[in-house]
Amino acid sequence: MSEDRAVEDRIVQADRRFRRRVFWWVGVALLLGLLGLLLVRRHVDGILELADRDLDQAIAQARRLAAVCAWITGLGLTGIGLWFGRLGWQIYLWDQYPPPRWRVIKDTRVRRGDQARRLARLALACCAISILGGAASGWLLYRLAAGVLK
């Protein structure tokens, strides 16, 4: 019994190099996202100018832009969902959060038993929501573009 308590009181120390790497990649992702938004805005302005001259060409470009946005949204949310699925599966497999050999960016108390299973269910629910949301939003955006921009 005291061994279980000792494991539950254990703290997984933050990996500072991993934390810097995570923050660096999050920063890169944010900058790429902002750049992407600026490019989309510029492309939409070009489509609006083109609509005055050649409406059919503008509609075709708008449909392509919507398809690209649908793919990016769908793939991004699917990737996040797969990561949550892996996390939830690992928590269930080891009955421990964080799972063994997982690095953390903040000192994290080890959780076992019911607490770990609750976190695993939460991670798997996030997995399902992300994957279904990615598929649904991508499909809806694509269908909307196909239906409206005929």
N, C-alpha and C. Protein backbone atom coordinates (compact mmCIF):
# COMPACT_ATOMS: atom_id res chain seq x y z
N MET A 1 0.82 -1.19 0.00
CA MET A 1 0.00 0.00 0.00
C MET A 1 0.86 1.26 0.00
N SER A 2 1.95 1.23 0.76
CA SER A 2 2.81 2.41 0.81
C SER A 2 3.53 2.63 -0.52
N GLU A 3 3.77 1.53 -1.29
CA GLU A 3 4.38 1.69 -2.61
C GLU A 3 3.46 2.43 -3.54
N ASP A 4 2.14 2.09 -3.50
CA ASP A 4 1.18 2.80 -4.34
C ASP A 4 1.15 4.28 -3.99
N ARG A 5 1.18 4.59 -2.69
CA ARG A 5 1.16 5.98 -2.25
C ARG A 5 2.45 6.68 -2.71
N ALA A 6 3.57 5.98 -2.66
CA ALA A 6 4.84 6.58 -3.09
C ALA A 6 4.82 6.90 -4.57
N VAL A 7 4.22 6.00 -5.38
CA VAL A 7 4.13 6.26 -6.82
C VAL A 7 3.20 7.44 -7.08
N GLU A 8 2.07 7.50 -6.34
CA GLU A 8 1.13 8.59 -6.55
C GLU A 8 1.71 9.94 -6.15
N ASP A 9 2.59 9.95 -5.14
CA ASP A 9 3.20 11.20 -4.70
C ASP A 9 4.39 11.60 -5.55
N ARG A 10 4.78 10.74 -6.47
CA ARG A 10 5.94 11.01 -7.30
C ARG A 10 5.64 12.14 -8.29
N ILE A 11 6.65 12.93 -8.57
CA ILE A 11 6.54 14.03 -9.52
C ILE A 11 7.46 13.73 -10.70
N VAL A 12 6.92 13.86 -11.91
CA VAL A 12 7.75 13.75 -13.11
C VAL A 12 8.29 15.15 -13.38
N GLN A 13 9.60 15.26 -13.39
CA GLN A 13 10.25 16.55 -13.56
C GLN A 13 10.14 17.03 -15.01
N ALA A 14 9.97 18.32 -15.16
CA ALA A 14 9.89 18.92 -16.49
C ALA A 14 11.23 18.80 -17.20
N ASP A 15 11.16 18.55 -18.49
CA ASP A 15 12.35 18.49 -19.34
C ASP A 15 12.50 19.87 -19.99
N ARG A 16 13.49 20.62 -19.55
CA ARG A 16 13.64 22.01 -20.00
C ARG A 16 13.95 22.11 -21.49
N ARG A 17 14.77 21.20 -22.00
CA ARG A 17 15.06 21.23 -23.44
C ARG A 17 13.79 20.94 -24.24
N PHE A 18 13.01 19.97 -23.77
CA PHE A 18 11.75 19.63 -24.43
C PHE A 18 10.79 20.81 -24.37
N ARG A 19 10.73 21.49 -23.22
CA ARG A 19 9.86 22.66 -23.07
C ARG A 19 10.24 23.74 -24.07
N ARG A 20 11.55 24.02 -24.20
CA ARG A 20 12.00 25.03 -25.18
C ARG A 20 11.62 24.61 -26.60
N ARG A 21 11.81 23.33 -26.89
CA ARG A 21 11.48 22.83 -28.23
C ARG A 21 9.97 22.96 -28.50
N VAL A 22 9.16 22.62 -27.51
CA VAL A 22 7.70 22.73 -27.68
C VAL A 22 7.31 24.18 -27.89
N PHE A 23 7.82 25.09 -27.07
CA PHE A 23 7.49 26.50 -27.22
C PHE A 23 7.98 27.04 -28.56
N TRP A 24 9.15 26.58 -29.02
CA TRP A 24 9.67 27.00 -30.31
C TRP A 24 8.72 26.56 -31.43
N TRP A 25 8.30 25.29 -31.40
CA TRP A 25 7.41 24.78 -32.44
C TRP A 25 6.03 25.44 -32.38
N VAL A 26 5.53 25.73 -31.19
CA VAL A 26 4.26 26.45 -31.07
C VAL A 26 4.41 27.84 -31.68
N GLY A 27 5.52 28.50 -31.41
CA GLY A 27 5.77 29.82 -32.01
C GLY A 27 5.84 29.75 -33.52
N VAL A 28 6.53 28.74 -34.04
CA VAL A 28 6.61 28.57 -35.49
C VAL A 28 5.22 28.32 -36.07
N ALA A 29 4.43 27.48 -35.40
CA ALA A 29 3.07 27.20 -35.87
C ALA A 29 2.22 28.46 -35.87
N LEU A 30 2.34 29.27 -34.82
CA LEU A 30 1.59 30.52 -34.77
C LEU A 30 2.00 31.47 -35.89
N LEU A 31 3.30 31.60 -36.12
CA LEU A 31 3.76 32.47 -37.20
C LEU A 31 3.30 31.97 -38.56
N LEU A 32 3.38 30.65 -38.77
CA LEU A 32 2.89 30.10 -40.04
C LEU A 32 1.39 30.30 -40.19
N GLY A 33 0.66 30.17 -39.09
CA GLY A 33 -0.78 30.41 -39.13
C GLY A 33 -1.10 31.85 -39.49
N LEU A 34 -0.39 32.79 -38.88
CA LEU A 34 -0.59 34.20 -39.21
C LEU A 34 -0.23 34.48 -40.67
N LEU A 35 0.88 33.91 -41.11
CA LEU A 35 1.27 34.07 -42.51
C LEU A 35 0.21 33.48 -43.43
N GLY A 36 -0.31 32.31 -43.06
CA GLY A 36 -1.37 31.69 -43.85
C GLY A 36 -2.62 32.56 -43.92
N LEU A 37 -2.99 33.15 -42.79
CA LEU A 37 -4.16 34.04 -42.79
C LEU A 37 -3.94 35.25 -43.68
N LEU A 38 -2.75 35.82 -43.63
CA LEU A 38 -2.44 36.96 -44.50
C LEU A 38 -2.50 36.56 -45.97
N LEU A 39 -1.96 35.38 -46.29
CA LEU A 39 -2.00 34.92 -47.68
C LEU A 39 -3.43 34.64 -48.13
N VAL A 40 -4.25 34.06 -47.25
CA VAL A 40 -5.65 33.81 -47.60
C VAL A 40 -6.36 35.13 -47.83
N ARG A 41 -6.12 36.08 -46.95
CA ARG A 41 -6.75 37.40 -47.10
C ARG A 41 -6.35 38.04 -48.44
N ARG A 42 -5.07 37.95 -48.78
CA ARG A 42 -4.58 38.50 -50.04
C ARG A 42 -5.21 37.76 -51.23
N HIS A 43 -5.33 36.43 -51.11
CA HIS A 43 -5.92 35.64 -52.19
C HIS A 43 -7.41 35.98 -52.35
N VAL A 44 -8.11 36.17 -51.24
CA VAL A 44 -9.53 36.54 -51.31
C VAL A 44 -9.68 37.91 -51.97
N ASP A 45 -8.81 38.85 -51.64
CA ASP A 45 -8.86 40.16 -52.30
C ASP A 45 -8.65 40.02 -53.81
N GLY A 46 -7.72 39.15 -54.20
CA GLY A 46 -7.50 38.90 -55.63
C GLY A 46 -8.72 38.27 -56.29
N ILE A 47 -9.38 37.37 -55.58
CA ILE A 47 -10.59 36.74 -56.12
C ILE A 47 -11.69 37.78 -56.30
N LEU A 48 -11.82 38.69 -55.33
CA LEU A 48 -12.84 39.74 -55.44
C LEU A 48 -12.57 40.66 -56.62
N GLU A 49 -11.31 40.98 -56.86
CA GLU A 49 -10.97 41.80 -58.03
C GLU A 49 -11.24 41.04 -59.33
N LEU A 50 -10.93 39.75 -59.32
CA LEU A 50 -11.16 38.92 -60.51
C LEU A 50 -12.65 38.77 -60.80
N ALA A 51 -13.47 38.79 -59.75
CA ALA A 51 -14.91 38.61 -59.93
C ALA A 51 -15.52 39.72 -60.79
N ASP A 52 -14.93 40.90 -60.75
CA ASP A 52 -15.43 41.99 -61.59
C ASP A 52 -15.19 41.73 -63.06
N ARG A 53 -14.11 41.00 -63.38
CA ARG A 53 -13.74 40.76 -64.77
C ARG A 53 -14.23 39.40 -65.28
N ASP A 54 -14.01 38.34 -64.51
CA ASP A 54 -14.34 36.98 -64.96
C ASP A 54 -14.91 36.20 -63.78
N LEU A 55 -16.23 36.20 -63.68
CA LEU A 55 -16.90 35.59 -62.54
C LEU A 55 -16.65 34.08 -62.46
N ASP A 56 -16.66 33.40 -63.59
CA ASP A 56 -16.45 31.95 -63.58
C ASP A 56 -15.06 31.59 -63.05
N GLN A 57 -14.06 32.33 -63.47
CA GLN A 57 -12.69 32.09 -62.99
C GLN A 57 -12.59 32.38 -61.49
N ALA A 58 -13.26 33.44 -61.03
CA ALA A 58 -13.24 33.79 -59.60
C ALA A 58 -13.91 32.69 -58.78
N ILE A 59 -15.00 32.14 -59.29
CA ILE A 59 -15.69 31.06 -58.58
C ILE A 59 -14.80 29.83 -58.51
N ALA A 60 -14.11 29.52 -59.60
CA ALA A 60 -13.22 28.36 -59.60
C ALA A 60 -12.08 28.54 -58.59
N GLN A 61 -11.53 29.74 -58.52
CA GLN A 61 -10.46 29.99 -57.54
C GLN A 61 -10.98 29.93 -56.11
N ALA A 62 -12.19 30.44 -55.90
CA ALA A 62 -12.77 30.40 -54.55
C ALA A 62 -13.03 28.95 -54.12
N ARG A 63 -13.46 28.12 -55.06
CA ARG A 63 -13.68 26.70 -54.73
C ARG A 63 -12.36 26.02 -54.39
N ARG A 64 -11.31 26.33 -55.14
CA ARG A 64 -9.99 25.74 -54.82
C ARG A 64 -9.50 26.21 -53.45
N LEU A 65 -9.68 27.48 -53.16
CA LEU A 65 -9.27 28.01 -51.86
C LEU A 65 -10.05 27.33 -50.73
N ALA A 66 -11.35 27.14 -50.92
CA ALA A 66 -12.16 26.46 -49.91
C ALA A 66 -11.72 25.01 -49.74
N ALA A 67 -11.37 24.35 -50.84
CA ALA A 67 -10.90 22.96 -50.75
C ALA A 67 -9.58 22.88 -49.99
N VAL A 68 -8.66 23.81 -50.25
CA VAL A 68 -7.38 23.83 -49.53
C VAL A 68 -7.62 24.08 -48.04
N CYS A 69 -8.49 25.03 -47.72
CA CYS A 69 -8.80 25.30 -46.31
C CYS A 69 -9.45 24.09 -45.65
N ALA A 70 -10.30 23.38 -46.38
CA ALA A 70 -10.94 22.18 -45.83
C ALA A 70 -9.90 21.11 -45.54
N TRP A 71 -8.96 20.90 -46.45
CA TRP A 71 -7.91 19.90 -46.24
C TRP A 71 -7.02 20.27 -45.06
N ILE A 72 -6.63 21.53 -44.97
CA ILE A 72 -5.76 21.95 -43.87
C ILE A 72 -6.47 21.79 -42.54
N THR A 73 -7.73 22.20 -42.48
CA THR A 73 -8.51 22.05 -41.24
C THR A 73 -8.68 20.58 -40.89
N GLY A 74 -9.07 19.79 -41.86
CA GLY A 74 -9.29 18.37 -41.60
C GLY A 74 -8.03 17.64 -41.17
N LEU A 75 -6.93 17.89 -41.87
CA LEU A 75 -5.68 17.22 -41.51
C LEU A 75 -5.14 17.69 -40.17
N GLY A 76 -5.25 18.98 -39.89
CA GLY A 76 -4.78 19.50 -38.61
C GLY A 76 -5.54 18.91 -37.43
N LEU A 77 -6.85 18.92 -37.52
CA LEU A 77 -7.65 18.36 -36.43
C LEU A 77 -7.50 16.85 -36.32
N THR A 78 -7.31 16.18 -37.44
CA THR A 78 -7.07 14.73 -37.39
C THR A 78 -5.74 14.44 -36.71
N GLY A 79 -4.71 15.22 -37.00
CA GLY A 79 -3.42 15.03 -36.33
C GLY A 79 -3.52 15.24 -34.83
N ILE A 80 -4.22 16.29 -34.42
CA ILE A 80 -4.42 16.53 -32.99
C ILE A 80 -5.19 15.37 -32.37
N GLY A 81 -6.21 14.90 -33.08
CA GLY A 81 -7.00 13.77 -32.58
C GLY A 81 -6.17 12.51 -32.43
N LEU A 82 -5.29 12.25 -33.38
CA LEU A 82 -4.43 11.07 -33.27
C LEU A 82 -3.48 11.18 -32.08
N TRP A 83 -2.97 12.38 -31.81
CA TRP A 83 -2.10 12.57 -30.66
C TRP A 83 -2.87 12.31 -29.36
N PHE A 84 -4.09 12.85 -29.26
CA PHE A 84 -4.92 12.59 -28.07
C PHE A 84 -5.24 11.11 -27.95
N GLY A 85 -5.49 10.44 -29.08
CA GLY A 85 -5.77 9.00 -29.03
C GLY A 85 -4.58 8.22 -28.52
N ARG A 86 -3.40 8.57 -28.98
CA ARG A 86 -2.19 7.90 -28.50
C ARG A 86 -1.99 8.14 -27.01
N LEU A 87 -2.21 9.37 -26.57
CA LEU A 87 -2.07 9.68 -25.14
C LEU A 87 -3.07 8.87 -24.31
N GLY A 88 -4.33 8.87 -24.72
CA GLY A 88 -5.35 8.11 -23.99
C GLY A 88 -5.04 6.63 -23.94
N TRP A 89 -4.60 6.08 -25.07
CA TRP A 89 -4.26 4.66 -25.13
C TRP A 89 -3.09 4.34 -24.21
N GLN A 90 -2.07 5.18 -24.21
CA GLN A 90 -0.91 4.97 -23.33
C GLN A 90 -1.30 5.06 -21.86
N ILE A 91 -2.18 5.98 -21.52
CA ILE A 91 -2.63 6.09 -20.12
C ILE A 91 -3.37 4.83 -19.72
N TYR A 92 -4.28 4.34 -20.58
CA TYR A 92 -4.99 3.09 -20.27
C TYR A 92 -4.03 1.91 -20.18
N LEU A 93 -3.08 1.86 -21.08
CA LEU A 93 -2.14 0.74 -21.11
C LEU A 93 -1.31 0.66 -19.83
N TRP A 94 -0.83 1.80 -19.36
CA TRP A 94 0.04 1.83 -18.19
C TRP A 94 -0.72 2.14 -16.90
N ASP A 95 -1.99 2.53 -17.02
CA ASP A 95 -2.79 2.93 -15.86
C ASP A 95 -2.05 4.01 -15.06
N GLN A 96 -1.49 4.95 -15.80
CA GLN A 96 -0.69 6.01 -15.17
C GLN A 96 -0.64 7.21 -16.09
N TYR A 97 -0.77 8.39 -15.47
CA TYR A 97 -0.56 9.64 -16.20
C TYR A 97 0.49 10.45 -15.47
N PRO A 98 1.49 10.98 -16.12
CA PRO A 98 1.87 10.74 -17.51
C PRO A 98 2.43 9.33 -17.68
N PRO A 99 2.23 8.76 -18.86
CA PRO A 99 2.76 7.41 -19.10
C PRO A 99 4.28 7.39 -18.95
N PRO A 100 4.83 6.23 -18.63
CA PRO A 100 6.30 6.13 -18.50
C PRO A 100 6.99 6.57 -19.80
N ARG A 101 8.12 7.20 -19.65
CA ARG A 101 8.97 7.68 -20.73
C ARG A 101 8.37 8.86 -21.50
N TRP A 102 7.26 9.39 -21.06
CA TRP A 102 6.73 10.60 -21.69
C TRP A 102 7.38 11.80 -21.02
N ARG A 103 7.80 12.75 -21.84
CA ARG A 103 8.40 13.97 -21.30
C ARG A 103 7.29 14.99 -21.08
N VAL A 104 7.48 15.82 -20.08
CA VAL A 104 6.49 16.85 -19.75
C VAL A 104 7.17 18.21 -19.76
N ILE A 105 6.38 19.27 -19.99
CA ILE A 105 6.95 20.61 -20.02
C ILE A 105 6.77 21.32 -18.68
N LYS A 106 6.04 20.70 -17.76
CA LYS A 106 5.81 21.26 -16.44
C LYS A 106 5.89 20.12 -15.44
N ASP A 107 6.43 20.36 -14.25
CA ASP A 107 6.47 19.32 -13.23
C ASP A 107 5.05 18.78 -13.04
N THR A 108 4.89 17.46 -13.16
CA THR A 108 3.58 16.84 -13.17
C THR A 108 3.52 15.71 -12.16
N ARG A 109 2.48 15.74 -11.32
CA ARG A 109 2.29 14.68 -10.34
C ARG A 109 1.77 13.44 -11.07
N VAL A 110 2.32 12.27 -10.70
CA VAL A 110 1.88 11.01 -11.30
C VAL A 110 0.50 10.67 -10.76
N ARG A 111 -0.41 10.33 -11.67
CA ARG A 111 -1.76 9.93 -11.28
C ARG A 111 -1.97 8.49 -11.72
N ARG A 112 -2.54 7.69 -10.83
CA ARG A 112 -2.79 6.28 -11.12
C ARG A 112 -4.24 5.95 -10.81
N GLY A 113 -4.67 4.78 -11.24
CA GLY A 113 -6.01 4.29 -10.89
C GLY A 113 -7.11 5.10 -11.54
N ASP A 114 -8.12 5.44 -10.71
CA ASP A 114 -9.29 6.15 -11.22
C ASP A 114 -8.94 7.50 -11.85
N GLN A 115 -8.03 8.21 -11.23
CA GLN A 115 -7.63 9.51 -11.80
C GLN A 115 -7.02 9.34 -13.19
N ALA A 116 -6.18 8.35 -13.33
CA ALA A 116 -5.54 8.11 -14.64
C ALA A 116 -6.58 7.67 -15.67
N ARG A 117 -7.49 6.79 -15.27
CA ARG A 117 -8.51 6.34 -16.22
C ARG A 117 -9.43 7.49 -16.62
N ARG A 118 -9.72 8.38 -15.69
CA ARG A 118 -10.54 9.55 -16.01
C ARG A 118 -9.83 10.43 -17.05
N LEU A 119 -8.54 10.63 -16.85
CA LEU A 119 -7.76 11.41 -17.82
C LEU A 119 -7.67 10.69 -19.17
N ALA A 120 -7.58 9.36 -19.14
CA ALA A 120 -7.55 8.60 -20.39
C ALA A 120 -8.86 8.76 -21.15
N ARG A 121 -9.98 8.68 -20.43
CA ARG A 121 -11.28 8.87 -21.09
C ARG A 121 -11.40 10.28 -21.66
N LEU A 122 -10.90 11.26 -20.93
CA LEU A 122 -10.92 12.64 -21.42
C LEU A 122 -10.08 12.77 -22.69
N ALA A 123 -8.90 12.17 -22.69
CA ALA A 123 -8.03 12.23 -23.88
C ALA A 123 -8.69 11.53 -25.06
N LEU A 124 -9.33 10.38 -24.82
CA LEU A 124 -9.99 9.67 -25.92
C LEU A 124 -11.22 10.42 -26.41
N ALA A 125 -11.92 11.12 -25.51
CA ALA A 125 -13.05 11.95 -25.94
C ALA A 125 -12.54 13.11 -26.80
N CYS A 126 -11.43 13.72 -26.40
CA CYS A 126 -10.83 14.79 -27.22
C CYS A 126 -10.39 14.24 -28.57
N CYS A 127 -9.91 13.01 -28.58
CA CYS A 127 -9.52 12.35 -29.83
C CYS A 127 -10.73 12.25 -30.76
N ALA A 128 -11.82 11.72 -30.24
CA ALA A 128 -13.02 11.54 -31.06
C ALA A 128 -13.56 12.88 -31.55
N ILE A 129 -13.61 13.86 -30.65
CA ILE A 129 -14.13 15.18 -31.02
C ILE A 129 -13.25 15.82 -32.10
N SER A 130 -11.93 15.72 -31.94
CA SER A 130 -11.02 16.33 -32.92
C SER A 130 -11.13 15.66 -34.28
N ILE A 131 -11.13 14.33 -34.29
CA ILE A 131 -11.19 13.63 -35.57
C ILE A 131 -12.54 13.85 -36.24
N LEU A 132 -13.63 13.70 -35.48
CA LEU A 132 -14.95 13.93 -36.07
C LEU A 132 -15.13 15.39 -36.47
N GLY A 133 -14.65 16.31 -35.63
CA GLY A 133 -14.74 17.73 -35.97
C GLY A 133 -13.93 18.08 -37.19
N GLY A 134 -12.74 17.50 -37.30
CA GLY A 134 -11.91 17.75 -38.48
C GLY A 134 -12.56 17.22 -39.75
N ALA A 135 -13.08 16.00 -39.65
CA ALA A 135 -13.73 15.41 -40.83
C ALA A 135 -15.00 16.19 -41.18
N ALA A 136 -15.80 16.53 -40.17
CA ALA A 136 -17.05 17.23 -40.42
C ALA A 136 -16.81 18.65 -40.95
N SER A 137 -15.89 19.38 -40.33
CA SER A 137 -15.66 20.75 -40.79
C SER A 137 -15.04 20.77 -42.18
N GLY A 138 -14.13 19.85 -42.44
CA GLY A 138 -13.56 19.77 -43.79
C GLY A 138 -14.61 19.43 -44.82
N TRP A 139 -15.44 18.44 -44.51
CA TRP A 139 -16.49 18.02 -45.44
C TRP A 139 -17.51 19.14 -45.64
N LEU A 140 -17.93 19.79 -44.53
CA LEU A 140 -18.92 20.86 -44.66
C LEU A 140 -18.38 22.04 -45.46
N LEU A 141 -17.13 22.40 -45.21
CA LEU A 141 -16.54 23.51 -45.96
C LEU A 141 -16.44 23.17 -47.44
N TYR A 142 -16.04 21.94 -47.73
CA TYR A 142 -15.94 21.52 -49.12
C TYR A 142 -17.32 21.49 -49.78
N ARG A 143 -18.33 20.94 -49.09
CA ARG A 143 -19.69 20.87 -49.64
C ARG A 143 -20.28 22.27 -49.80
N LEU A 144 -20.00 23.14 -48.84
CA LEU A 144 -20.49 24.51 -48.92
C LEU A 144 -19.91 25.21 -50.15
N ALA A 145 -18.62 25.03 -50.34
CA ALA A 145 -17.98 25.64 -51.50
C ALA A 145 -18.53 25.05 -52.80
N ALA A 146 -18.74 23.74 -52.80
CA ALA A 146 -19.26 23.11 -54.02
C ALA A 146 -20.70 23.52 -54.28
N GLY A 147 -21.49 23.68 -53.22
CA GLY A 147 -22.90 24.02 -53.39
C GLY A 147 -23.15 25.49 -53.68
N VAL A 148 -22.46 26.35 -52.98
CA VAL A 148 -22.70 27.78 -53.11
C VAL A 148 -21.97 28.35 -54.32
N LEU A 149 -20.76 27.89 -54.54
CA LEU A 149 -19.94 28.45 -55.62
C LEU A 149 -20.06 27.62 -56.89
N LYS A 150 -21.25 27.55 -57.44
CA LYS A 150 -21.46 26.79 -58.68
C LYS A 150 -21.31 27.69 -59.87
